[in-house]
Amino acid sequence: MAKFDKIAVLKKIGDTGMVPVFYHKDVEVAKKVVKACYEGGVRAFEFTNRGDFAHEIFGQLVKWADKECPELALGIGSVVDAPTAALYIQLGANFVVGPLFNPEIAPVCNRRLVPYCPGCGTVSEIGKAQELGCDLTKLFPGDVYGPNMVKGLMAPCPWSKIMVTGGVSPDRENLTSWFKAGVYCVGMGSKLFPKDRVAAEDWAYVTDKCKECLDIIAELRK
């Protein structure tokens, strides 16, 4: 069962404006990355369903985070079908993210008040997802569509809450382009966690980079 309900999760995502996206087959590495982000101010984290037995790693991570990162909403990403969403909800996922929009996932998540953030690429897809209760939709891949897509969408549909993932980097210029376009938040993966830094276990780098990004986002929202 999710630790936080839909309203609480969306508030955490909205308040910080950034959701780190990460996967690692070693649960101990995953724990250290999550902790580093949490200490940097992150309050919503997306662990991706990408490797064999990812659900087992996620289950361990949820139990650990409940004690070590009590205010963290831990969600699952790369979910493309309803049975997988149900599996992760049973393991305690606070939100479900997908690279695509599958209408069958929405009722599974809605029944338990778990946010479903599907990957969309058109205004029509975003609109249909909203009809099915997806308060937050993901523009993916972001670098293909660009900030102008968000700006164009927000003009006729200003109520939309858009998370852009793919092509987001932890630098002022990139973040400025997205937030000025009107995104609700950004999802950030490989550019927030360079492989060499993870391999070197440079967790201070991750914490500092998260703090830097959150400070920039807070400044842009003033």
C-alpha atoms as a PDB file:
ATOM      1  CA  MET A   1       0.000   0.000   0.000  1.00  0.00           C
ATOM      2  CA  ALA A   2       1.250   3.484  -0.871  1.00  0.00           C
ATOM      3  CA  LYS A   3       2.545   5.495   2.063  1.00  0.00           C
ATOM      4  CA  PHE A   4       1.193   8.764   0.636  1.00  0.00           C
ATOM      5  CA  ASP A   5      -2.077   9.345  -1.231  1.00  0.00           C
ATOM      6  CA  LYS A   6      -2.477  10.978  -4.615  1.00  0.00           C
ATOM      7  CA  ILE A   7      -2.870  14.529  -3.324  1.00  0.00           C
ATOM      8  CA  ALA A   8       0.184  14.278  -1.067  1.00  0.00           C
ATOM      9  CA  VAL A   9       2.353  12.796  -3.819  1.00  0.00           C
ATOM     10  CA  LEU A  10       1.424  15.425  -6.397  1.00  0.00           C
ATOM     11  CA  LYS A  11       2.154  18.125  -3.820  1.00  0.00           C
ATOM     12  CA  LYS A  12       5.616  16.697  -3.114  1.00  0.00           C
ATOM     13  CA  ILE A  13       6.370  16.567  -6.825  1.00  0.00           C
ATOM     14  CA  GLY A  14       5.018  20.052  -7.376  1.00  0.00           C
ATOM     15  CA  ASP A  15       6.731  21.618  -4.376  1.00  0.00           C
ATOM     16  CA  THR A  16      10.197  20.425  -5.389  1.00  0.00           C
ATOM     17  CA  GLY A  17       9.720  20.435  -9.169  1.00  0.00           C
ATOM     18  CA  MET A  18      12.138  17.588  -9.808  1.00  0.00           C
ATOM     19  CA  VAL A  19      11.887  13.784  -9.813  1.00  0.00           C
ATOM     20  CA  PRO A  20      15.164  11.864 -10.088  1.00  0.00           C
ATOM     21  CA  VAL A  21      14.917   8.765 -12.304  1.00  0.00           C
ATOM     22  CA  PHE A  22      17.265   5.866 -11.542  1.00  0.00           C
ATOM     23  CA  TYR A  23      17.767   2.098 -11.737  1.00  0.00           C
ATOM     24  CA  HIS A  24      20.506  -0.150 -10.436  1.00  0.00           C
ATOM     25  CA  LYS A  25      20.545  -3.907 -10.000  1.00  0.00           C
ATOM     26  CA  ASP A  26      22.411  -3.605  -6.696  1.00  0.00           C
ATOM     27  CA  VAL A  27      19.966  -2.581  -3.978  1.00  0.00           C
ATOM     28  CA  GLU A  28      22.763  -1.163  -1.823  1.00  0.00           C
ATOM     29  CA  VAL A  29      23.795   1.219  -4.596  1.00  0.00           C
ATOM     30  CA  ALA A  30      20.161   2.179  -5.104  1.00  0.00           C
ATOM     31  CA  LYS A  31      19.812   2.939  -1.400  1.00  0.00           C
ATOM     32  CA  LYS A  32      22.847   5.213  -1.440  1.00  0.00           C
ATOM     33  CA  VAL A  33      21.602   7.106  -4.491  1.00  0.00           C
ATOM     34  CA  VAL A  34      18.145   7.563  -2.966  1.00  0.00           C
ATOM     35  CA  LYS A  35      19.653   8.744   0.320  1.00  0.00           C
ATOM     36  CA  ALA A  36      21.963  11.196  -1.458  1.00  0.00           C
ATOM     37  CA  CYS A  37      19.003  12.676  -3.334  1.00  0.00           C
ATOM     38  CA  TYR A  38      16.904  12.849  -0.175  1.00  0.00           C
ATOM     39  CA  GLU A  39      19.642  14.720   1.649  1.00  0.00           C
ATOM     40  CA  GLY A  40      19.739  17.101  -1.308  1.00  0.00           C
ATOM     41  CA  GLY A  41      16.075  17.972  -0.807  1.00  0.00           C
ATOM     42  CA  VAL A  42      14.354  15.497  -3.137  1.00  0.00           C
ATOM     43  CA  ARG A  43      10.965  14.260  -1.899  1.00  0.00           C
ATOM     44  CA  ALA A  44       9.772  12.197  -4.885  1.00  0.00           C
ATOM     45  CA  PHE A  45      11.994   9.573  -6.536  1.00  0.00           C
ATOM     46  CA  GLU A  46      11.317   7.305  -9.517  1.00  0.00           C
ATOM     47  CA  PHE A  47      12.963   3.883  -9.517  1.00  0.00           C
ATOM     48  CA  THR A  48      12.637   2.359 -12.979  1.00  0.00           C
ATOM     49  CA  ASN A  49      11.353  -1.106 -13.846  1.00  0.00           C
ATOM     50  CA  ARG A  50      14.167  -1.933 -16.232  1.00  0.00           C
ATOM     51  CA  GLY A  51      16.211  -4.919 -15.062  1.00  0.00           C
ATOM     52  CA  ASP A  52      15.518  -8.537 -14.153  1.00  0.00           C
ATOM     53  CA  PHE A  53      13.938  -8.851 -10.696  1.00  0.00           C
ATOM     54  CA  ALA A  54      13.543  -5.067 -10.495  1.00  0.00           C
ATOM     55  CA  HIS A  55      10.410  -5.600  -8.408  1.00  0.00           C
ATOM     56  CA  GLU A  56      12.417  -7.433  -5.766  1.00  0.00           C
ATOM     57  CA  ILE A  57      14.876  -4.571  -5.520  1.00  0.00           C
ATOM     58  CA  PHE A  58      12.007  -2.088  -5.352  1.00  0.00           C
ATOM     59  CA  GLY A  59      10.303  -3.984  -2.535  1.00  0.00           C
ATOM     60  CA  GLN A  60      13.479  -3.827  -0.447  1.00  0.00           C
ATOM     61  CA  LEU A  61      13.964  -0.172  -1.299  1.00  0.00           C
ATOM     62  CA  VAL A  62      10.447   0.761  -0.154  1.00  0.00           C
ATOM     63  CA  LYS A  63      10.892  -0.880   3.254  1.00  0.00           C
ATOM     64  CA  TRP A  64      14.290   0.748   3.711  1.00  0.00           C
ATOM     65  CA  ALA A  65      13.120   4.213   2.616  1.00  0.00           C
ATOM     66  CA  ASP A  66      10.164   4.078   4.988  1.00  0.00           C
ATOM     67  CA  LYS A  67      12.648   4.342   7.879  1.00  0.00           C
ATOM     68  CA  GLU A  68      15.623   6.139   6.349  1.00  0.00           C
ATOM     69  CA  CYS A  69      13.785   8.679   4.157  1.00  0.00           C
ATOM     70  CA  PRO A  70      10.399   9.078   5.898  1.00  0.00           C
ATOM     71  CA  GLU A  71       9.143  11.985   3.780  1.00  0.00           C
ATOM     72  CA  LEU A  72      10.078  10.422   0.434  1.00  0.00           C
ATOM     73  CA  ALA A  73       7.404   9.337  -2.042  1.00  0.00           C
ATOM     74  CA  LEU A  74       9.054   6.437  -3.865  1.00  0.00           C
ATOM     75  CA  GLY A  75       7.473   5.638  -7.221  1.00  0.00           C
ATOM     76  CA  ILE A  76       8.050   3.236 -10.081  1.00  0.00           C
ATOM     77  CA  GLY A  77       8.792   4.080 -13.710  1.00  0.00           C
ATOM     78  CA  SER A  78       8.937   2.322 -17.094  1.00  0.00           C
ATOM     79  CA  VAL A  79       5.562   0.650 -16.494  1.00  0.00           C
ATOM     80  CA  VAL A  80       3.728  -0.238 -19.716  1.00  0.00           C
ATOM     81  CA  ASP A  81       0.886  -2.561 -18.626  1.00  0.00           C
ATOM     82  CA  ALA A  82      -1.732  -2.885 -15.895  1.00  0.00           C
ATOM     83  CA  PRO A  83      -0.473  -6.130 -14.286  1.00  0.00           C
ATOM     84  CA  THR A  84       2.956  -4.571 -13.730  1.00  0.00           C
ATOM     85  CA  ALA A  85       1.359  -1.477 -12.227  1.00  0.00           C
ATOM     86  CA  ALA A  86      -0.676  -3.675  -9.856  1.00  0.00           C
ATOM     87  CA  LEU A  87       2.444  -5.581  -8.822  1.00  0.00           C
ATOM     88  CA  TYR A  88       4.315  -2.424  -7.883  1.00  0.00           C
ATOM     89  CA  ILE A  89       1.312  -0.900  -6.126  1.00  0.00           C
ATOM     90  CA  GLN A  90       1.217  -3.998  -3.935  1.00  0.00           C
ATOM     91  CA  LEU A  91       4.890  -3.399  -3.181  1.00  0.00           C
ATOM     92  CA  GLY A  92       4.151   0.148  -2.022  1.00  0.00           C
ATOM     93  CA  ALA A  93       4.672   2.351  -5.089  1.00  0.00           C
ATOM     94  CA  ASN A  94       3.476   5.890  -4.365  1.00  0.00           C
ATOM     95  CA  PHE A  95       3.154   6.737  -8.053  1.00  0.00           C
ATOM     96  CA  VAL A  96       3.406   4.980 -11.411  1.00  0.00           C
ATOM     97  CA  VAL A  97       5.138   6.429 -14.471  1.00  0.00           C
ATOM     98  CA  GLY A  98       5.258   5.059 -17.993  1.00  0.00           C
ATOM     99  CA  PRO A  99       7.088   5.857 -21.243  1.00  0.00           C
ATOM    100  CA  LEU A 100       3.741   5.495 -23.027  1.00  0.00           C
ATOM    101  CA  PHE A 101       0.032   5.929 -22.303  1.00  0.00           C
ATOM    102  CA  ASN A 102      -1.868   2.712 -21.598  1.00  0.00           C
ATOM    103  CA  PRO A 103      -5.532   3.426 -20.679  1.00  0.00           C
ATOM    104  CA  GLU A 104      -5.733   0.074 -18.852  1.00  0.00           C
ATOM    105  CA  ILE A 105      -3.297   1.285 -16.197  1.00  0.00           C
ATOM    106  CA  ALA A 106      -5.388   4.304 -15.163  1.00  0.00           C
ATOM    107  CA  PRO A 107      -8.251   2.478 -13.371  1.00  0.00           C
ATOM    108  CA  VAL A 108      -5.805   0.212 -11.541  1.00  0.00           C
ATOM    109  CA  CYS A 109      -4.045   3.252 -10.111  1.00  0.00           C
ATOM    110  CA  ASN A 110      -7.193   5.338  -9.581  1.00  0.00           C
ATOM    111  CA  ARG A 111      -8.789   2.606  -7.503  1.00  0.00           C
ATOM    112  CA  ARG A 112      -6.000   2.990  -4.952  1.00  0.00           C
ATOM    113  CA  LEU A 113      -5.534   6.770  -5.314  1.00  0.00           C
ATOM    114  CA  VAL A 114      -2.071   6.239  -6.770  1.00  0.00           C
ATOM    115  CA  PRO A 115      -1.047   8.847  -9.396  1.00  0.00           C
ATOM    116  CA  TYR A 116      -0.472   7.461 -12.892  1.00  0.00           C
ATOM    117  CA  CYS A 117       1.785   9.650 -15.015  1.00  0.00           C
ATOM    118  CA  PRO A 118       1.775   8.283 -18.583  1.00  0.00           C
ATOM    119  CA  GLY A 119       4.192   9.229 -21.320  1.00  0.00           C
ATOM    120  CA  CYS A 120       2.423  11.265 -23.999  1.00  0.00           C
ATOM    121  CA  GLY A 121       3.531  12.855 -27.250  1.00  0.00           C
ATOM    122  CA  THR A 122       0.489  14.751 -28.498  1.00  0.00           C
ATOM    123  CA  VAL A 123      -2.062  17.192 -27.119  1.00  0.00           C
ATOM    124  CA  SER A 124      -4.786  14.617 -27.818  1.00  0.00           C
ATOM    125  CA  GLU A 125      -2.964  11.930 -25.842  1.00  0.00           C
ATOM    126  CA  ILE A 126      -2.514  14.296 -22.917  1.00  0.00           C
ATOM    127  CA  GLY A 127      -6.174  15.246 -23.091  1.00  0.00           C
ATOM    128  CA  LYS A 128      -7.326  11.606 -23.097  1.00  0.00           C
ATOM    129  CA  ALA A 129      -5.041  10.796 -20.178  1.00  0.00           C
ATOM    130  CA  GLN A 130      -6.532  13.703 -18.233  1.00  0.00           C
ATOM    131  CA  GLU A 131     -10.048  12.388 -18.953  1.00  0.00           C
ATOM    132  CA  LEU A 132      -9.020   9.103 -17.322  1.00  0.00           C
ATOM    133  CA  GLY A 133      -7.771  10.795 -14.158  1.00  0.00           C
ATOM    134  CA  CYS A 134      -4.100  11.365 -14.925  1.00  0.00           C
ATOM    135  CA  ASP A 135      -3.541  14.695 -13.179  1.00  0.00           C
ATOM    136  CA  LEU A 136       0.140  14.641 -14.139  1.00  0.00           C
ATOM    137  CA  THR A 137       1.235  13.604 -17.633  1.00  0.00           C
ATOM    138  CA  LYS A 138       4.750  13.081 -18.918  1.00  0.00           C
ATOM    139  CA  LEU A 139       6.059  14.626 -22.107  1.00  0.00           C
ATOM    140  CA  PHE A 140       8.478  11.994 -23.377  1.00  0.00           C
ATOM    141  CA  PRO A 141      11.013  12.082 -24.858  1.00  0.00           C
ATOM    142  CA  GLY A 142      11.379  15.730 -23.969  1.00  0.00           C
ATOM    143  CA  ASP A 143      14.361  16.445 -26.184  1.00  0.00           C
ATOM    144  CA  VAL A 144      12.363  15.380 -29.242  1.00  0.00           C
ATOM    145  CA  TYR A 145       9.499  17.810 -28.587  1.00  0.00           C
ATOM    146  CA  GLY A 146      11.252  20.665 -26.801  1.00  0.00           C
ATOM    147  CA  PRO A 147       9.965  23.510 -24.581  1.00  0.00           C
ATOM    148  CA  ASN A 148       7.855  24.963 -27.392  1.00  0.00           C
ATOM    149  CA  MET A 149       5.605  21.904 -27.225  1.00  0.00           C
ATOM    150  CA  VAL A 150       4.864  22.677 -23.574  1.00  0.00           C
ATOM    151  CA  LYS A 151       4.371  26.375 -24.246  1.00  0.00           C
ATOM    152  CA  GLY A 152       2.012  25.624 -27.100  1.00  0.00           C
ATOM    153  CA  LEU A 153      -0.030  23.171 -25.015  1.00  0.00           C
ATOM    154  CA  MET A 154      -0.339  25.425 -21.978  1.00  0.00           C
ATOM    155  CA  ALA A 155      -1.980  28.245 -23.963  1.00  0.00           C
ATOM    156  CA  PRO A 156      -5.288  26.409 -24.645  1.00  0.00           C
ATOM    157  CA  CYS A 157      -4.963  23.954 -21.724  1.00  0.00           C
ATOM    158  CA  PRO A 158      -3.495  25.992 -18.807  1.00  0.00           C
ATOM    159  CA  TRP A 159      -4.755  23.501 -16.216  1.00  0.00           C
ATOM    160  CA  SER A 160      -2.309  20.868 -17.468  1.00  0.00           C
ATOM    161  CA  LYS A 161       0.422  19.559 -15.204  1.00  0.00           C
ATOM    162  CA  ILE A 162       3.324  18.388 -17.338  1.00  0.00           C
ATOM    163  CA  MET A 163       6.424  16.492 -16.267  1.00  0.00           C
ATOM    164  CA  VAL A 164       9.094  16.474 -18.954  1.00  0.00           C
ATOM    165  CA  THR A 165      11.604  13.611 -19.014  1.00  0.00           C
ATOM    166  CA  GLY A 166      14.353  12.942 -21.522  1.00  0.00           C
ATOM    167  CA  GLY A 167      16.737  15.680 -22.484  1.00  0.00           C
ATOM    168  CA  VAL A 168      16.592  17.451 -19.131  1.00  0.00           C
ATOM    169  CA  SER A 169      19.979  18.377 -17.690  1.00  0.00           C
ATOM    170  CA  PRO A 170      20.985  19.852 -14.316  1.00  0.00           C
ATOM    171  CA  ASP A 171      22.040  23.248 -15.599  1.00  0.00           C
ATOM    172  CA  ARG A 172      20.407  26.651 -15.365  1.00  0.00           C
ATOM    173  CA  GLU A 173      19.915  27.173 -19.105  1.00  0.00           C
ATOM    174  CA  ASN A 174      18.131  23.875 -19.651  1.00  0.00           C
ATOM    175  CA  LEU A 175      15.954  24.145 -16.543  1.00  0.00           C
ATOM    176  CA  THR A 176      15.067  27.741 -17.398  1.00  0.00           C
ATOM    177  CA  SER A 177      13.833  26.751 -20.851  1.00  0.00           C
ATOM    178  CA  TRP A 178      11.463  24.109 -19.440  1.00  0.00           C
ATOM    179  CA  PHE A 179      10.070  26.024 -16.475  1.00  0.00           C
ATOM    180  CA  LYS A 180       9.549  29.206 -18.459  1.00  0.00           C
ATOM    181  CA  ALA A 181       7.595  27.082 -20.941  1.00  0.00           C
ATOM    182  CA  GLY A 182       5.271  26.040 -18.097  1.00  0.00           C
ATOM    183  CA  VAL A 183       6.223  22.546 -16.896  1.00  0.00           C
ATOM    184  CA  TYR A 184       4.995  21.383 -13.485  1.00  0.00           C
ATOM    185  CA  CYS A 185       8.190  19.439 -12.881  1.00  0.00           C
ATOM    186  CA  VAL A 186      11.083  17.691 -14.592  1.00  0.00           C
ATOM    187  CA  GLY A 187      12.264  14.102 -14.468  1.00  0.00           C
ATOM    188  CA  MET A 188      16.020  13.711 -14.588  1.00  0.00           C
ATOM    189  CA  GLY A 189      18.078  10.561 -14.986  1.00  0.00           C
ATOM    190  CA  SER A 190      21.508   9.899 -16.453  1.00  0.00           C
ATOM    191  CA  LYS A 191      22.622  13.525 -16.443  1.00  0.00           C
ATOM    192  CA  LEU A 192      21.961  13.730 -12.723  1.00  0.00           C
ATOM    193  CA  PHE A 193      23.758  10.450 -12.083  1.00  0.00           C
ATOM    194  CA  PRO A 194      26.860  10.232 -14.313  1.00  0.00           C
ATOM    195  CA  LYS A 195      28.079   6.630 -14.468  1.00  0.00           C
ATOM    196  CA  ASP A 196      31.579   7.563 -13.375  1.00  0.00           C
ATOM    197  CA  ARG A 197      30.260   9.327 -10.268  1.00  0.00           C
ATOM    198  CA  VAL A 198      28.084   6.361  -9.321  1.00  0.00           C
ATOM    199  CA  ALA A 199      30.972   3.946  -9.917  1.00  0.00           C
ATOM    200  CA  ALA A 200      33.203   6.099  -7.690  1.00  0.00           C
ATOM    201  CA  GLU A 201      30.418   6.238  -5.055  1.00  0.00           C
ATOM    202  CA  ASP A 202      30.626  10.004  -5.077  1.00  0.00           C
ATOM    203  CA  TRP A 203      27.353  10.512  -3.250  1.00  0.00           C
ATOM    204  CA  ALA A 204      28.286  14.037  -2.162  1.00  0.00           C
ATOM    205  CA  TYR A 205      28.245  15.005  -5.850  1.00  0.00           C
ATOM    206  CA  VAL A 206      24.685  13.697  -6.199  1.00  0.00           C
ATOM    207  CA  THR A 207      23.518  15.519  -3.058  1.00  0.00           C
ATOM    208  CA  ASP A 208      25.126  18.781  -4.144  1.00  0.00           C
ATOM    209  CA  LYS A 209      23.744  18.500  -7.674  1.00  0.00           C
ATOM    210  CA  CYS A 210      20.225  17.910  -6.341  1.00  0.00           C
ATOM    211  CA  LYS A 211      20.499  20.941  -4.055  1.00  0.00           C
ATOM    212  CA  GLU A 212      21.756  23.041  -6.951  1.00  0.00           C
ATOM    213  CA  CYS A 213      18.897  21.987  -9.231  1.00  0.00           C
ATOM    214  CA  LEU A 214      16.222  22.535  -6.593  1.00  0.00           C
ATOM    215  CA  ASP A 215      17.616  25.985  -5.816  1.00  0.00           C
ATOM    216  CA  ILE A 216      17.513  26.911  -9.505  1.00  0.00           C
ATOM    217  CA  ILE A 217      13.944  25.639  -9.849  1.00  0.00           C
ATOM    218  CA  ALA A 218      12.812  27.557  -6.753  1.00  0.00           C
ATOM    219  CA  GLU A 219      14.400  30.701  -8.139  1.00  0.00           C
ATOM    220  CA  LEU A 220      12.749  30.259 -11.535  1.00  0.00           C
ATOM    221  CA  ARG A 221       9.338  29.931  -9.909  1.00  0.00           C
ATOM    222  CA  LYS A 222       9.542  33.240  -8.023  1.00  0.00           C
END
